[in-house]
C-alpha atoms as a PDB file:
ATOM      1  CA  MET A   1      18.839 -37.319  20.590  1.00  0.00           C
ATOM      2  CA  PRO A   2      17.623 -34.114  22.365  1.00  0.00           C
ATOM      3  CA  LYS A   3      15.898 -31.595  20.384  1.00  0.00           C
ATOM      4  CA  ILE A   4      13.461 -29.444  20.005  1.00  0.00           C
ATOM      5  CA  PHE A   5       9.951 -29.577  19.440  1.00  0.00           C
ATOM      6  CA  GLU A   6       7.738 -26.985  19.151  1.00  0.00           C
ATOM      7  CA  ILE A   7       7.962 -22.901  18.815  1.00  0.00           C
ATOM      8  CA  TRP A   8       5.766 -20.126  19.728  1.00  0.00           C
ATOM      9  CA  ILE A   9       5.875 -16.750  19.225  1.00  0.00           C
ATOM     10  CA  ILE A  10       3.437 -14.810  21.324  1.00  0.00           C
ATOM     11  CA  THR A  11       2.577 -11.152  22.577  1.00  0.00           C
ATOM     12  CA  GLU A  12       2.931 -10.118  25.868  1.00  0.00           C
ATOM     13  CA  GLY A  13      -1.303 -10.283  26.372  1.00  0.00           C
ATOM     14  CA  GLY A  14      -0.973 -13.904  25.033  1.00  0.00           C
ATOM     15  CA  ILE A  15      -1.579 -13.672  21.045  1.00  0.00           C
ATOM     16  CA  PRO A  16      -0.197 -16.484  19.353  1.00  0.00           C
ATOM     17  CA  ILE A  17       1.472 -14.376  16.253  1.00  0.00           C
ATOM     18  CA  PHE A  18       3.370 -17.786  14.992  1.00  0.00           C
ATOM     19  CA  SER A  19       3.423 -21.276  16.247  1.00  0.00           C
ATOM     20  CA  TYR A  20       5.107 -24.602  14.822  1.00  0.00           C
ATOM     21  CA  SER A  21       3.844 -27.550  16.762  1.00  0.00           C
ATOM     22  CA  PRO A  22       3.581 -30.248  13.392  1.00  0.00           C
ATOM     23  CA  GLU A  23       3.080 -32.699  16.653  1.00  0.00           C
ATOM     24  CA  SER A  24       0.726 -31.430  19.001  1.00  0.00           C
ATOM     25  CA  LYS A  25      -3.031 -30.948  18.419  1.00  0.00           C
ATOM     26  CA  LEU A  26      -2.953 -28.215  21.176  1.00  0.00           C
ATOM     27  CA  ASN A  27      -4.783 -24.741  20.267  1.00  0.00           C
ATOM     28  CA  PRO A  28      -1.855 -22.215  19.445  1.00  0.00           C
ATOM     29  CA  ALA A  29      -4.696 -19.593  21.068  1.00  0.00           C
ATOM     30  CA  LEU A  30      -5.270 -21.744  24.797  1.00  0.00           C
ATOM     31  CA  ILE A  31      -1.024 -22.670  24.727  1.00  0.00           C
ATOM     32  CA  SER A  32      -0.001 -18.745  24.121  1.00  0.00           C
ATOM     33  CA  SER A  33      -3.088 -17.477  26.947  1.00  0.00           C
ATOM     34  CA  PHE A  34      -1.427 -19.867  29.711  1.00  0.00           C
ATOM     35  CA  PHE A  35       1.655 -18.433  28.725  1.00  0.00           C
ATOM     36  CA  SER A  36       0.727 -14.916  28.518  1.00  0.00           C
ATOM     37  CA  ALA A  37      -0.478 -15.891  32.031  1.00  0.00           C
ATOM     38  CA  ILE A  38       2.414 -17.835  33.612  1.00  0.00           C
ATOM     39  CA  GLN A  39       4.647 -14.118  33.069  1.00  0.00           C
ATOM     40  CA  SER A  40       2.288 -12.084  33.907  1.00  0.00           C
ATOM     41  CA  PHE A  41       1.973 -13.732  37.238  1.00  0.00           C
ATOM     42  CA  ALA A  42       5.565 -13.902  37.647  1.00  0.00           C
ATOM     43  CA  LEU A  43       5.722 -10.344  37.110  1.00  0.00           C
ATOM     44  CA  GLU A  44       3.430  -9.253  39.413  1.00  0.00           C
ATOM     45  CA  ILE A  45       4.937 -11.242  42.365  1.00  0.00           C
ATOM     46  CA  SER A  46       8.920 -11.102  41.522  1.00  0.00           C
ATOM     47  CA  GLU A  47       8.205  -7.493  40.381  1.00  0.00           C
ATOM     48  CA  LYS A  48       9.411  -7.386  36.956  1.00  0.00           C
ATOM     49  CA  ASN A  49      11.337 -10.456  36.528  1.00  0.00           C
ATOM     50  CA  THR A  50       9.898 -12.965  34.023  1.00  0.00           C
ATOM     51  CA  ILE A  51      10.432 -16.715  33.571  1.00  0.00           C
ATOM     52  CA  ASN A  52      13.236 -18.130  31.558  1.00  0.00           C
ATOM     53  CA  SER A  53      11.931 -21.622  32.027  1.00  0.00           C
ATOM     54  CA  PHE A  54      10.249 -24.182  33.236  1.00  0.00           C
ATOM     55  CA  SER A  55       9.429 -27.920  32.575  1.00  0.00           C
ATOM     56  CA  ILE A  56       7.239 -30.685  32.633  1.00  0.00           C
ATOM     57  CA  GLY A  57       8.239 -34.188  32.834  1.00  0.00           C
ATOM     58  CA  LYS A  58      10.333 -34.865  30.139  1.00  0.00           C
ATOM     59  CA  PHE A  59      10.322 -30.954  28.755  1.00  0.00           C
ATOM     60  CA  ASN A  60      11.634 -27.589  29.120  1.00  0.00           C
ATOM     61  CA  TYR A  61       9.679 -24.834  27.804  1.00  0.00           C
ATOM     62  CA  ASN A  62      12.401 -21.615  27.221  1.00  0.00           C
ATOM     63  CA  PHE A  63      11.558 -18.050  26.728  1.00  0.00           C
ATOM     64  CA  LEU A  64      13.111 -15.262  25.468  1.00  0.00           C
ATOM     65  CA  TRP A  65      11.734 -11.660  26.131  1.00  0.00           C
ATOM     66  CA  MET A  66      11.814  -9.588  23.139  1.00  0.00           C
ATOM     67  CA  SER A  67      11.003  -6.251  25.544  1.00  0.00           C
ATOM     68  CA  SER A  68      11.137  -3.659  22.473  1.00  0.00           C
ATOM     69  CA  TYR A  69       8.632  -5.629  20.392  1.00  0.00           C
ATOM     70  CA  ASN A  70       6.661  -6.875  23.692  1.00  0.00           C
ATOM     71  CA  LEU A  71       7.189 -10.657  22.664  1.00  0.00           C
ATOM     72  CA  TYR A  72       7.979 -13.710  23.781  1.00  0.00           C
ATOM     73  CA  PHE A  73       9.678 -16.308  21.780  1.00  0.00           C
ATOM     74  CA  ILE A  74       9.104 -20.069  23.465  1.00  0.00           C
ATOM     75  CA  THR A  75      10.199 -23.158  22.726  1.00  0.00           C
ATOM     76  CA  LYS A  76       8.999 -26.901  23.794  1.00  0.00           C
ATOM     77  CA  SER A  77      12.377 -28.835  23.677  1.00  0.00           C
ATOM     78  CA  ASP A  78      14.067 -31.941  25.462  1.00  0.00           C
ATOM     79  CA  ILE A  79      15.121 -31.501  28.917  1.00  0.00           C
ATOM     80  CA  LYS A  80      18.381 -33.136  28.331  1.00  0.00           C
ATOM     81  CA  LEU A  81      19.386 -29.743  26.298  1.00  0.00           C
ATOM     82  CA  LYS A  82      21.495 -27.323  27.406  1.00  0.00           C
ATOM     83  CA  PRO A  83      19.709 -23.806  27.806  1.00  0.00           C
ATOM     84  CA  LYS A  84      22.594 -21.611  26.363  1.00  0.00           C
ATOM     85  CA  ASN A  85      22.024 -23.866  23.284  1.00  0.00           C
ATOM     86  CA  ILE A  86      18.236 -23.339  23.378  1.00  0.00           C
ATOM     87  CA  GLU A  87      18.895 -19.188  24.261  1.00  0.00           C
ATOM     88  CA  LYS A  88      21.571 -19.376  21.465  1.00  0.00           C
ATOM     89  CA  HIS A  89      18.719 -20.467  18.924  1.00  0.00           C
ATOM     90  CA  LEU A  90      15.840 -18.504  20.235  1.00  0.00           C
ATOM     91  CA  THR A  91      18.249 -15.548  20.187  1.00  0.00           C
ATOM     92  CA  GLN A  92      18.658 -16.361  16.532  1.00  0.00           C
ATOM     93  CA  ILE A  93      15.213 -17.423  15.708  1.00  0.00           C
ATOM     94  CA  ALA A  94      14.350 -14.073  17.403  1.00  0.00           C
ATOM     95  CA  GLY A  95      16.771 -12.214  14.752  1.00  0.00           C
ATOM     96  CA  LEU A  96      15.407 -13.586  12.010  1.00  0.00           C
ATOM     97  CA  PHE A  97      11.749 -13.378  12.845  1.00  0.00           C
ATOM     98  CA  LEU A  98      12.227  -9.191  13.725  1.00  0.00           C
ATOM     99  CA  GLY A  99      14.052  -8.628  10.590  1.00  0.00           C
ATOM    100  CA  ILE A 100      11.251  -9.589   8.020  1.00  0.00           C
ATOM    101  CA  PHE A 101       8.502  -8.783  10.037  1.00  0.00           C
ATOM    102  CA  ASN A 102       9.989  -5.357  11.577  1.00  0.00           C
ATOM    103  CA  LYS A 103       7.292  -3.299   9.769  1.00  0.00           C
ATOM    104  CA  GLU A 104       4.038  -5.628  10.221  1.00  0.00           C
ATOM    105  CA  LEU A 105       4.901  -5.549  13.784  1.00  0.00           C
ATOM    106  CA  GLU A 106       5.328  -1.679  14.223  1.00  0.00           C
ATOM    107  CA  GLU A 107       1.862  -1.553  12.339  1.00  0.00           C
ATOM    108  CA  PHE A 108       0.461  -4.870  14.445  1.00  0.00           C
ATOM    109  CA  GLU A 109      -3.240  -4.548  15.163  1.00  0.00           C
ATOM    110  CA  GLY A 110      -4.162  -8.343  15.834  1.00  0.00           C
ATOM    111  CA  ASP A 111      -4.085 -10.119  12.115  1.00  0.00           C
ATOM    112  CA  VAL A 112      -2.173 -12.646  12.541  1.00  0.00           C
ATOM    113  CA  SER A 113      -2.358 -14.066   9.013  1.00  0.00           C
ATOM    114  CA  ARG A 114       0.751 -11.460   7.830  1.00  0.00           C
ATOM    115  CA  PHE A 115       3.086 -13.530   9.749  1.00  0.00           C
ATOM    116  CA  GLU A 116       2.209 -16.950   8.398  1.00  0.00           C
ATOM    117  CA  PRO A 117       4.717 -16.899   5.529  1.00  0.00           C
ATOM    118  CA  PHE A 118       7.668 -17.205   7.924  1.00  0.00           C
ATOM    119  CA  LYS A 119       6.875 -20.925   8.638  1.00  0.00           C
ATOM    120  CA  ALA A 120       8.882 -21.740   5.285  1.00  0.00           C
ATOM    121  CA  ASP A 121      11.736 -19.546   6.835  1.00  0.00           C
ATOM    122  CA  PHE A 122      11.852 -21.257   9.933  1.00  0.00           C
ATOM    123  CA  GLU A 123      11.284 -24.560   8.231  1.00  0.00           C
ATOM    124  CA  ILE A 124      14.668 -23.717   6.613  1.00  0.00           C
ATOM    125  CA  TYR A 125      16.353 -22.714   9.690  1.00  0.00           C
ATOM    126  CA  LEU A 126      14.512 -25.818  11.895  1.00  0.00           C
ATOM    127  CA  LYS A 127      16.075 -28.176   9.230  1.00  0.00           C
ATOM    128  CA  ASP A 128      19.624 -26.267   8.652  1.00  0.00           C
ATOM    129  CA  ASN A 129      20.056 -25.948  12.671  1.00  0.00           C
ATOM    130  CA  PHE A 130      17.771 -26.342  14.775  1.00  0.00           C
ATOM    131  CA  LYS A 131      16.090 -29.816  14.937  1.00  0.00           C
ATOM    132  CA  THR A 132      18.967 -32.014  16.697  1.00  0.00           C
ATOM    133  CA  LEU A 133      21.323 -29.981  19.312  1.00  0.00           C
ATOM    134  CA  LYS A 134      24.237 -30.525  21.588  1.00  0.00           C
ATOM    135  CA  ARG A 135      23.002 -32.370  25.001  1.00  0.00           C
END
């Protein structure tokens, strides 16, 4: 069954403010820096365009840019999943996150611990909607 494996929410500068990677041992700061660098490079060479997705092996990495918050919402998913399905869920997750943490984001000065409670909300979403998606 195709599914989403991991999700990250990172600032434009590469600070990981939330990550859900139950099967990975990668350091969230390292992967967030990588994603941020890719997007910075894309902006440099393509005049204000960001990368929407890329593939490595059997995985797709999909990006949703929320410019009003300077945040990227990123998933690692099975390559068989349709991008429109992933985008739909990224939009819903972004709405959930921003609805809960709007005030904290306005006052954000680098303390990512204030976003840790989102794990419980995300796991409920994951259980109900997100673990397995249509191809």
